[in-house]
Protein backbone atom coordinates (compact mmCIF):
# COMPACT_ATOMS: atom_id res chain seq x y z
CA MET A 1 -0.15 -0.46 23.59
CA TRP A 2 3.65 0.57 23.51
CA MET A 3 5.80 -2.29 21.82
CA LYS A 4 7.04 -5.56 23.65
CA PRO A 5 10.71 -7.26 22.91
CA ASP A 6 8.27 -9.99 21.13
CA CYS A 7 7.58 -7.00 19.03
CA LEU A 8 11.28 -6.54 17.51
CA ALA A 9 10.93 -10.43 16.49
CA CYS A 10 7.49 -10.16 15.14
CA LEU A 11 8.51 -7.14 12.67
CA TYR A 12 11.66 -8.78 11.61
CA ASN A 13 9.67 -12.04 10.36
CA GLN A 14 6.66 -10.17 9.10
CA MET A 15 9.87 -8.41 6.62
CA LEU A 16 10.82 -11.72 5.75
CA ARG A 17 7.41 -12.53 5.02
CA LEU A 18 6.66 -9.40 2.48
CA SER A 19 10.15 -10.32 0.56
CA LYS A 20 8.87 -13.52 -0.50
CA ALA A 21 5.15 -11.84 -0.91
CA MET A 22 7.23 -9.59 -3.47
CA HIS A 23 9.07 -12.42 -4.96
CA CYS A 24 12.39 -10.98 -3.90
CA ASP A 25 15.37 -12.92 -5.13
CA ASP A 26 17.88 -13.56 -2.61
CA ALA A 27 19.95 -10.03 -3.03
CA CYS A 28 16.41 -8.40 -2.50
CA ALA A 29 15.49 -10.37 0.52
CA THR A 30 19.19 -9.85 2.11
CA LYS A 31 19.31 -6.21 1.52
CA ILE A 32 15.47 -6.12 2.73
CA MET A 33 16.60 -8.28 6.01
CA GLU A 34 19.59 -6.45 6.64
CA GLU A 35 17.94 -2.98 6.34
CA SER A 36 15.02 -3.87 8.57
CA ALA A 37 17.36 -5.35 11.32
CA ALA A 38 19.35 -1.97 11.56
CA ARG A 39 16.00 -0.04 11.61
CA ILE A 40 14.43 -2.19 13.81
CA ALA A 41 17.60 -1.61 16.20
CA ARG A 42 16.52 1.71 16.04
CA LEU A 43 13.23 1.37 16.22
CA ARG A 44 11.56 3.42 19.90
CA MET A 45 9.64 0.92 22.24
CA ASP A 46 7.12 3.93 23.07
CA GLN A 47 5.16 3.87 19.85
CA THR A 48 2.36 1.29 18.92
CA PRO A 49 3.12 -1.91 16.92
CA PRO A 50 1.56 -0.37 13.75
CA GLU A 51 3.45 2.78 13.97
CA ALA A 52 7.00 0.52 14.14
CA ALA A 53 5.22 -0.94 10.89
CA ALA A 54 4.79 1.89 8.97
CA ILE A 55 8.30 2.50 9.15
CA LEU A 56 9.42 -0.83 8.20
CA TYR A 57 6.73 -1.47 5.14
CA PRO A 58 7.30 1.24 3.15
CA GLU A 59 11.28 1.25 3.25
CA ALA A 60 11.56 -2.57 2.53
CA ALA A 61 8.51 -2.11 -0.42
CA ALA A 62 10.96 0.82 -1.83
CA VAL A 63 13.69 -1.87 -2.13
CA LYS A 64 11.76 -4.09 -4.64
CA GLY A 65 9.90 -0.99 -5.83
CA ALA A 66 6.73 -2.19 -5.10
CA ALA A 67 4.10 0.44 -4.28
CA ASP A 68 1.56 -2.02 -2.92
CA PRO A 69 3.85 -5.45 -1.91
CA TYR A 70 0.03 -7.30 -0.95
CA ALA A 71 -1.90 -6.68 -4.03
CA GLU A 72 -1.15 -10.23 -5.34
CA LEU A 73 -2.38 -12.07 -2.22
CA LYS A 74 -4.96 -9.26 -1.38
CA ALA A 75 -6.83 -10.56 -4.58
CA LEU A 76 -6.57 -14.34 -3.53
CA SER A 77 -8.23 -13.45 -0.31
CA THR A 78 -11.01 -11.31 -1.86
CA GLN A 79 -11.58 -14.26 -4.09
CA ARG A 80 -11.50 -17.20 -0.95
CA ALA A 81 -13.64 -14.80 1.27
CA ALA A 82 -16.09 -14.66 -1.60
CA SER A 83 -16.45 -18.05 -2.12
CA LEU A 84 -17.40 -18.61 1.71
CA ILE A 85 -20.02 -15.14 1.93
CA PRO A 86 -22.98 -17.28 0.67
CA GLY A 87 -22.72 -20.15 2.98
CA ALA A 88 -22.05 -17.23 5.81
CA ARG A 89 -25.05 -15.09 4.98
CA GLN A 90 -27.00 -18.44 4.86
CA ALA A 91 -26.06 -19.27 8.61
CA VAL A 92 -26.83 -15.22 9.57
CA THR A 93 -30.00 -15.40 8.12
CA ALA A 94 -31.07 -18.49 9.93
CA ALA A 95 -29.50 -17.60 13.24
CA LYS A 96 -31.82 -17.04 16.16
CA GLU A 97 -29.92 -13.62 16.67
CA PRO A 98 -29.09 -12.57 13.42
CA LEU A 99 -27.25 -9.45 14.54
CA ASP A 100 -25.24 -11.44 17.39
CA ALA A 101 -24.02 -13.82 14.08
CA ALA A 102 -23.25 -10.89 11.60
CA LEU A 103 -20.89 -9.98 14.57
CA ARG A 104 -19.69 -13.47 14.33
CA ALA A 105 -19.28 -13.71 10.64
CA ALA A 106 -17.40 -10.36 10.83
CA VAL A 107 -14.94 -11.55 13.33
CA ALA A 108 -14.12 -15.11 11.08
CA GLY A 109 -12.90 -12.82 8.41
CA ASN A 110 -10.13 -11.45 11.21
CA VAL A 111 -8.62 -14.36 10.71
CA ILE A 112 -7.20 -13.40 7.40
CA ASP A 113 -3.77 -11.57 7.84
CA TYR A 114 -0.18 -11.38 6.69
CA ALA A 115 1.71 -9.78 9.71
CA THR A 116 0.75 -11.84 12.76
CA GLN A 117 2.81 -14.49 14.87
CA VAL A 118 -0.10 -17.51 13.95
CA ALA A 119 -2.70 -18.49 10.80
CA PHE A 120 -5.59 -19.59 10.95
CA GLY A 121 -7.67 -21.59 8.67
CA LEU A 122 -10.27 -19.24 7.26
CA GLU A 123 -13.20 -22.48 6.18
CA GLU A 124 -12.71 -23.57 9.38
CA GLU A 125 -13.23 -20.68 10.90
CA ILE A 126 -16.43 -20.26 8.92
CA ARG A 127 -17.58 -23.50 10.30
CA THR A 128 -16.99 -23.10 13.71
CA ILE A 129 -17.58 -19.08 14.25
CA PHE A 130 -21.33 -19.69 14.96
CA GLU A 131 -20.98 -22.51 18.05
CA VAL A 132 -17.73 -21.35 19.70
CA PRO A 133 -17.68 -18.60 23.08
CA PHE A 134 -15.79 -16.10 23.17
CA SER A 135 -13.39 -14.91 25.72
CA ILE A 136 -14.84 -11.72 26.77
CA ASP A 137 -17.74 -11.10 25.10
CA HIS A 138 -19.54 -7.66 25.38
CA LYS A 139 -21.80 -8.60 22.18
CA GLU A 140 -24.94 -8.19 23.94
CA ARG A 141 -23.79 -4.44 25.44
CA PHE A 142 -22.76 -3.00 22.20
CA LEU A 143 -25.98 -4.40 20.42
CA GLY A 144 -28.13 -2.97 23.09
CA LYS A 145 -26.08 0.70 22.06
CA LEU A 146 -26.68 -0.02 18.46
CA ARG A 147 -30.47 -0.39 18.57
CA TRP A 148 -30.34 3.07 19.94
CA ALA A 149 -27.45 5.01 18.03
CA ARG A 150 -27.88 6.99 15.27
CA ASN A 151 -24.57 6.24 13.44
CA LEU A 152 -22.23 4.13 13.94
CA LEU A 153 -18.45 3.77 12.46
CA VAL A 154 -16.94 0.79 11.49
CA ILE A 155 -13.11 0.99 11.41
CA GLY A 156 -12.13 -1.80 8.45
CA ASP A 157 -8.74 -4.16 9.31
CA ASN A 158 -7.85 -6.54 6.37
CA VAL A 159 -8.68 -7.12 2.20
CA GLY A 160 -10.80 -10.44 2.51
CA GLU A 161 -12.44 -9.78 6.00
CA HIS A 162 -13.70 -6.57 4.26
CA LEU A 163 -16.33 -8.76 2.49
CA PHE A 164 -17.46 -10.21 6.08
CA ASP A 165 -17.96 -6.76 6.89
CA LYS A 166 -19.90 -5.75 4.26
CA LEU A 167 -22.49 -9.10 4.94
CA MET A 168 -22.29 -7.75 8.80
CA MET A 169 -23.06 -4.26 7.60
CA GLU A 170 -25.79 -5.32 5.48
CA THR A 171 -27.49 -7.02 8.60
CA PHE A 172 -27.79 -3.71 10.47
CA ARG A 173 -29.34 -2.11 7.84
CA GLN A 174 -31.99 -4.73 7.43
CA TYR A 175 -32.46 -4.80 11.18
CA LEU A 176 -31.90 -1.10 11.69
CA PRO A 177 -32.93 0.72 8.74
CA GLU A 178 -32.61 3.96 9.77
CA LEU A 179 -29.14 3.40 11.31
CA GLU A 180 -26.20 5.52 9.09
CA ILE A 181 -22.88 3.40 8.68
CA ARG A 182 -19.48 4.95 8.09
CA TYR A 183 -16.75 2.16 7.03
CA MET A 184 -13.36 3.40 7.89
CA VAL A 185 -10.36 2.12 5.60
CA ARG A 186 -6.71 2.96 5.40
CA GLY A 187 -5.00 5.81 3.92
CA ARG A 188 -2.63 4.16 1.82
CA PRO A 189 -1.94 0.21 1.47
CA ILE A 190 0.06 -1.19 4.36
CA ILE A 191 0.17 -4.78 4.44
CA ASN A 192 -2.96 -6.29 3.37
CA ASP A 193 -5.29 -3.87 5.12
CA VAL A 194 -8.15 -2.60 3.30
CA THR A 195 -7.97 0.60 1.41
CA PHE A 196 -10.41 2.99 -0.38
CA LYS A 197 -9.88 0.88 -3.49
CA GLU A 198 -10.85 -2.54 -2.06
CA ALA A 199 -13.98 -1.37 -0.21
CA LYS A 200 -15.43 0.52 -3.25
CA GLU A 201 -14.73 -2.83 -5.77
CA ALA A 202 -16.49 -4.95 -3.29
CA GLY A 203 -19.89 -2.31 -3.49
CA ILE A 204 -19.38 -1.52 0.22
CA GLY A 205 -20.46 2.24 -0.82
CA ASP A 206 -23.74 0.64 -1.31
CA VAL A 207 -24.36 -0.26 2.70
CA ALA A 208 -21.69 2.28 4.03
CA ARG A 209 -20.47 5.48 3.71
CA ILE A 210 -16.86 4.43 2.67
CA VAL A 211 -14.54 7.04 4.62
CA ASP A 212 -10.53 7.57 3.78
CA SER A 213 -9.02 7.63 7.38
CA GLY A 214 -5.61 8.86 5.84
CA VAL A 215 -3.96 7.23 8.33
CA ASP A 216 -0.75 5.38 7.00
CA THR A 217 -0.53 2.74 10.19
CA PRO A 218 -2.12 -0.76 10.21
CA GLY A 219 -4.25 0.64 13.05
CA PHE A 220 -6.13 3.20 13.27
CA LEU A 221 -4.01 7.04 15.01
CA LEU A 222 -6.62 10.16 15.14
CA GLU A 223 -3.04 11.79 15.55
CA ARG A 224 -3.03 10.54 11.59
CA ALA A 225 -5.89 10.96 10.48
CA SER A 226 -7.17 12.75 7.63
CA ASP A 227 -9.78 15.87 8.59
CA GLU A 228 -12.41 13.51 6.70
CA GLY A 229 -11.20 10.33 8.94
CA ARG A 230 -11.14 12.67 11.92
CA ARG A 231 -14.46 13.84 11.36
CA ALA A 232 -15.98 10.51 11.46
CA TYR A 233 -14.30 8.98 14.32
CA GLU A 234 -15.45 12.00 16.33
CA GLU A 235 -19.20 12.32 15.21
CA ALA A 236 -20.11 8.84 15.79
CA ASP A 237 -22.17 7.64 18.44
CA LEU A 238 -21.15 3.82 18.31
CA ILE A 239 -17.59 2.43 17.38
CA LEU A 240 -16.73 -1.12 15.87
CA ALA A 241 -12.76 -1.31 15.44
CA LYS A 242 -12.04 -4.59 14.10
CA GLY A 243 -8.90 -6.05 14.19
CA MET A 244 -5.30 -6.22 16.41
CA GLY A 245 -3.79 -2.93 14.31
CA ASN A 246 -6.70 -0.87 15.37
CA TYR A 247 -6.74 -2.62 19.46
CA GLU A 248 -3.30 -2.19 19.53
CA CYS A 249 -3.74 1.45 18.53
CA MET A 250 -7.05 2.57 20.42
CA GLU A 251 -7.13 0.64 23.65
CA SER A 252 -5.64 3.07 25.83
CA TRP A 253 -8.03 6.08 24.83
CA ALA A 254 -10.72 3.96 27.19
CA ASP A 255 -13.39 5.58 24.39
CA GLU A 256 -16.86 4.08 25.64
CA ARG A 257 -18.25 4.13 22.24
CA VAL A 258 -15.69 1.59 21.26
CA MET A 259 -15.86 -2.32 20.91
CA PHE A 260 -12.76 -4.12 19.87
CA LEU A 261 -13.84 -6.98 17.76
CA LEU A 262 -10.75 -9.18 16.67
CA LYS A 263 -9.46 -12.95 17.19
CA ILE A 264 -5.92 -12.68 18.75
CA LYS A 265 -3.01 -13.93 17.25
CA CYS A 266 0.09 -13.26 19.23
CA ASP A 267 1.46 -13.48 22.39
CA VAL A 268 1.83 -10.01 22.98
CA VAL A 269 -2.18 -9.00 22.86
CA ALA A 270 -2.86 -12.52 24.53
CA ARG A 271 -0.75 -11.50 27.90
CA LYS A 272 -2.15 -7.51 27.44
CA LEU A 273 -5.85 -9.19 27.46
CA GLY A 274 -4.77 -11.99 29.95
CA LYS A 275 -6.17 -14.35 27.19
CA LYS A 276 -5.43 -16.89 24.42
CA ILE A 277 -3.97 -17.03 20.87
CA GLY A 278 -6.56 -17.96 19.01
CA ASP A 279 -9.46 -16.45 21.61
CA LEU A 280 -12.30 -13.74 19.92
CA ILE A 281 -12.31 -11.23 21.93
CA ALA A 282 -15.75 -8.30 21.71
CA MET A 283 -14.68 -6.01 24.12
CA MET A 284 -16.42 -2.95 25.46
CA PRO A 285 -13.30 -0.82 27.68
CA ALA A 286 -15.83 0.29 30.14
CA GLU A 287 -17.05 -3.40 30.53
CA ALA A 288 -13.29 -4.70 30.73
CA GLY A 289 -12.32 -4.22 34.56
CA ARG A 290 -16.37 -5.94 35.04
């Protein structure tokens, strides 16, 4: 999905939020905003929003000298999510359709995002997620394929959300014990996206093989992937891509193995999908026109 004019304003606002996350003083924040404005004015529109973000974030972080600007907020997100996992696990276990409920729990975690136009409450999301309808709902088709798949690739998104992904993968392994699962993470810190470090600390290696994609953008791009990341993608029978960044990077591929699982958090993606901000999406591209 190529950049739209709205994305330019969104990226600029992200740089302001980044400066606050890094506890910049006025001089530091001003420098970040001035340099970001100049860079945004030169951005190509024939690239995805995550590719543009991968240009801006490292340059802004360098002004402050921060290797992982969102480290503090990622830790807080993990603590907050961890406090809600027992209740989510209980709801998944008690559900009539536990695999469907596991997908719902995983998408609830997708509200944890520091780069989006709007914010949602995680506690409220967990409270309602097991009842609310999806605006695009291909979960049943995905789960039908999952029951016959030898291996599943889950492409992760944000920190905190990754704990709900772990719950989902635990549930898949419980009901489909022969299923091999790989969990793909970003190649380096970018916004609050999950990296190998956070995935390992969460114990995701106990339920899935953690794959470092090598990708430096907040969305999976095959051309930027490491050899390991490329192999994981190419060898997968079925792929679950979490969040808007992965959708923005991958939607044009029309890969029938992929299901996008996300909550819409910006106007550009809402218009692309013909839905509203706040809608839940579980979409397999081959089903999009049906």
